Amino acid sequence: MQIKYFSWVKEQIGVDAENITLKDNIETIIDLINHLKSKNEKYNRAFKDISIIRCAVNMEVTNLDEKINDNDEIAFFPPMTGG
């Protein structure tokens, strides 16, 4: 799975993308976030308030309870504004 990070999420974590292999207990985006938060303090800070995290699966914005699989591309970003 490829994970991409944008804006301040990328700045907090320190990378713009990474590849991981899903573990069996990771079925949804929220499961993935919880897994990432357990990696280290950088991820924990970036995902501290998940109510302000937006995500996309395969370039389509979705909810945190979306089912995911190892072939997906996941993107995390802050709320977007218009203008």
C-alpha atoms as a PDB file:
ATOM      1  CA  MET A   1       0.000   0.000   0.000  1.00  0.00           C
ATOM      2  CA  GLN A   2       1.227   3.466  -0.782  1.00  0.00           C
ATOM      3  CA  ILE A   3       0.462   6.204   1.720  1.00  0.00           C
ATOM      4  CA  LYS A   4       0.828   9.875   0.792  1.00  0.00           C
ATOM      5  CA  TYR A   5       0.898  12.792   3.212  1.00  0.00           C
ATOM      6  CA  PHE A   6       0.139  16.412   2.356  1.00  0.00           C
ATOM      7  CA  SER A   7       0.545  19.841   3.945  1.00  0.00           C
ATOM      8  CA  TRP A   8       1.084  19.932   7.721  1.00  0.00           C
ATOM      9  CA  VAL A   9       0.483  16.164   7.984  1.00  0.00           C
ATOM     10  CA  LYS A  10       3.590  15.684   5.816  1.00  0.00           C
ATOM     11  CA  GLU A  11       5.503  18.264   7.854  1.00  0.00           C
ATOM     12  CA  GLN A  12       4.675  16.538  11.160  1.00  0.00           C
ATOM     13  CA  ILE A  13       5.648  13.067   9.940  1.00  0.00           C
ATOM     14  CA  GLY A  14       8.674  14.169   7.944  1.00  0.00           C
ATOM     15  CA  VAL A  15       8.002  12.224   4.737  1.00  0.00           C
ATOM     16  CA  ASP A  16       5.666  12.801   1.828  1.00  0.00           C
ATOM     17  CA  ALA A  17       5.009   9.115   1.064  1.00  0.00           C
ATOM     18  CA  GLU A  18       5.771   5.592   2.184  1.00  0.00           C
ATOM     19  CA  ASN A  19       4.931   2.020   1.241  1.00  0.00           C
ATOM     20  CA  ILE A  20       3.703  -0.487   3.798  1.00  0.00           C
ATOM     21  CA  THR A  21       2.248  -3.977   3.801  1.00  0.00           C
ATOM     22  CA  LEU A  22      -1.035  -4.200   5.669  1.00  0.00           C
ATOM     23  CA  LYS A  23      -1.258  -6.378   8.713  1.00  0.00           C
ATOM     24  CA  ASP A  24      -4.314  -8.631   9.078  1.00  0.00           C
ATOM     25  CA  ASN A  25      -5.904  -6.457  11.747  1.00  0.00           C
ATOM     26  CA  ILE A  26      -5.920  -3.341   9.536  1.00  0.00           C
ATOM     27  CA  GLU A  27      -9.202  -3.271   7.642  1.00  0.00           C
ATOM     28  CA  THR A  28     -10.237   0.406   7.619  1.00  0.00           C
ATOM     29  CA  ILE A  29      -8.572   3.797   7.426  1.00  0.00           C
ATOM     30  CA  ILE A  30      -9.095   4.308  11.159  1.00  0.00           C
ATOM     31  CA  ASP A  31      -7.296   1.003  11.773  1.00  0.00           C
ATOM     32  CA  LEU A  32      -4.449   2.271   9.599  1.00  0.00           C
ATOM     33  CA  ILE A  33      -4.285   5.567  11.500  1.00  0.00           C
ATOM     34  CA  ASN A  34      -4.133   3.710  14.814  1.00  0.00           C
ATOM     35  CA  HIS A  35      -1.332   1.524  13.455  1.00  0.00           C
ATOM     36  CA  LEU A  36       0.609   4.557  12.231  1.00  0.00           C
ATOM     37  CA  LYS A  37       0.141   6.363  15.555  1.00  0.00           C
ATOM     38  CA  SER A  38       1.753   3.409  17.315  1.00  0.00           C
ATOM     39  CA  LYS A  39       4.907   3.695  15.167  1.00  0.00           C
ATOM     40  CA  ASN A  40       6.341   6.792  16.860  1.00  0.00           C
ATOM     41  CA  GLU A  41       5.647  10.218  18.292  1.00  0.00           C
ATOM     42  CA  LYS A  42       5.725  11.978  14.893  1.00  0.00           C
ATOM     43  CA  TYR A  43       2.751   9.951  13.647  1.00  0.00           C
ATOM     44  CA  ASN A  44       1.039  10.303  17.004  1.00  0.00           C
ATOM     45  CA  ARG A  45       1.276  14.111  16.769  1.00  0.00           C
ATOM     46  CA  ALA A  46       0.156  14.208  13.137  1.00  0.00           C
ATOM     47  CA  PHE A  47      -2.936  12.087  13.854  1.00  0.00           C
ATOM     48  CA  LYS A  48      -3.655  13.409  17.359  1.00  0.00           C
ATOM     49  CA  ASP A  49      -6.983  14.970  16.344  1.00  0.00           C
ATOM     50  CA  ILE A  50      -8.408  12.719  13.647  1.00  0.00           C
ATOM     51  CA  SER A  51     -11.536  14.871  13.401  1.00  0.00           C
ATOM     52  CA  ILE A  52      -9.498  17.303  11.271  1.00  0.00           C
ATOM     53  CA  ILE A  53      -7.828  14.680   9.087  1.00  0.00           C
ATOM     54  CA  ARG A  54      -9.215  14.124   5.627  1.00  0.00           C
ATOM     55  CA  CYS A  55      -8.383  11.092   3.522  1.00  0.00           C
ATOM     56  CA  ALA A  56      -8.701   9.660   0.058  1.00  0.00           C
ATOM     57  CA  VAL A  57      -8.560   6.087  -1.168  1.00  0.00           C
ATOM     58  CA  ASN A  58      -7.382   5.721  -4.754  1.00  0.00           C
ATOM     59  CA  MET A  59      -7.839   9.483  -5.276  1.00  0.00           C
ATOM     60  CA  GLU A  60     -11.437   9.575  -4.026  1.00  0.00           C
ATOM     61  CA  VAL A  61     -12.204  11.443  -0.809  1.00  0.00           C
ATOM     62  CA  THR A  62     -13.819   9.113   1.698  1.00  0.00           C
ATOM     63  CA  ASN A  63     -14.615   8.536   5.375  1.00  0.00           C
ATOM     64  CA  LEU A  64     -12.286   7.125   8.016  1.00  0.00           C
ATOM     65  CA  ASP A  65     -14.364   3.933   8.252  1.00  0.00           C
ATOM     66  CA  GLU A  66     -13.710   3.075   4.581  1.00  0.00           C
ATOM     67  CA  LYS A  67     -12.462  -0.479   3.993  1.00  0.00           C
ATOM     68  CA  ILE A  68      -8.951  -0.670   2.531  1.00  0.00           C
ATOM     69  CA  ASN A  69      -6.667  -3.313   1.037  1.00  0.00           C
ATOM     70  CA  ASP A  70      -2.984  -3.719   0.260  1.00  0.00           C
ATOM     71  CA  ASN A  71      -3.345  -2.457  -3.339  1.00  0.00           C
ATOM     72  CA  ASP A  72      -4.843   0.900  -2.366  1.00  0.00           C
ATOM     73  CA  GLU A  73      -3.251   4.318  -2.420  1.00  0.00           C
ATOM     74  CA  ILE A  74      -4.179   6.265   0.712  1.00  0.00           C
ATOM     75  CA  ALA A  75      -3.735  10.023   1.055  1.00  0.00           C
ATOM     76  CA  PHE A  76      -3.982  12.031   4.274  1.00  0.00           C
ATOM     77  CA  PHE A  77      -4.431  15.817   4.275  1.00  0.00           C
ATOM     78  CA  PRO A  78      -5.920  18.643   6.338  1.00  0.00           C
ATOM     79  CA  PRO A  79      -9.332  20.147   5.558  1.00  0.00           C
ATOM     80  CA  MET A  80      -9.416  22.010   2.261  1.00  0.00           C
ATOM     81  CA  THR A  81     -10.755  25.511   1.801  1.00  0.00           C
ATOM     82  CA  GLY A  82     -12.278  27.051  -1.262  1.00  0.00           C
ATOM     83  CA  GLY A  83     -11.489  30.335  -2.814  1.00  0.00           C
END
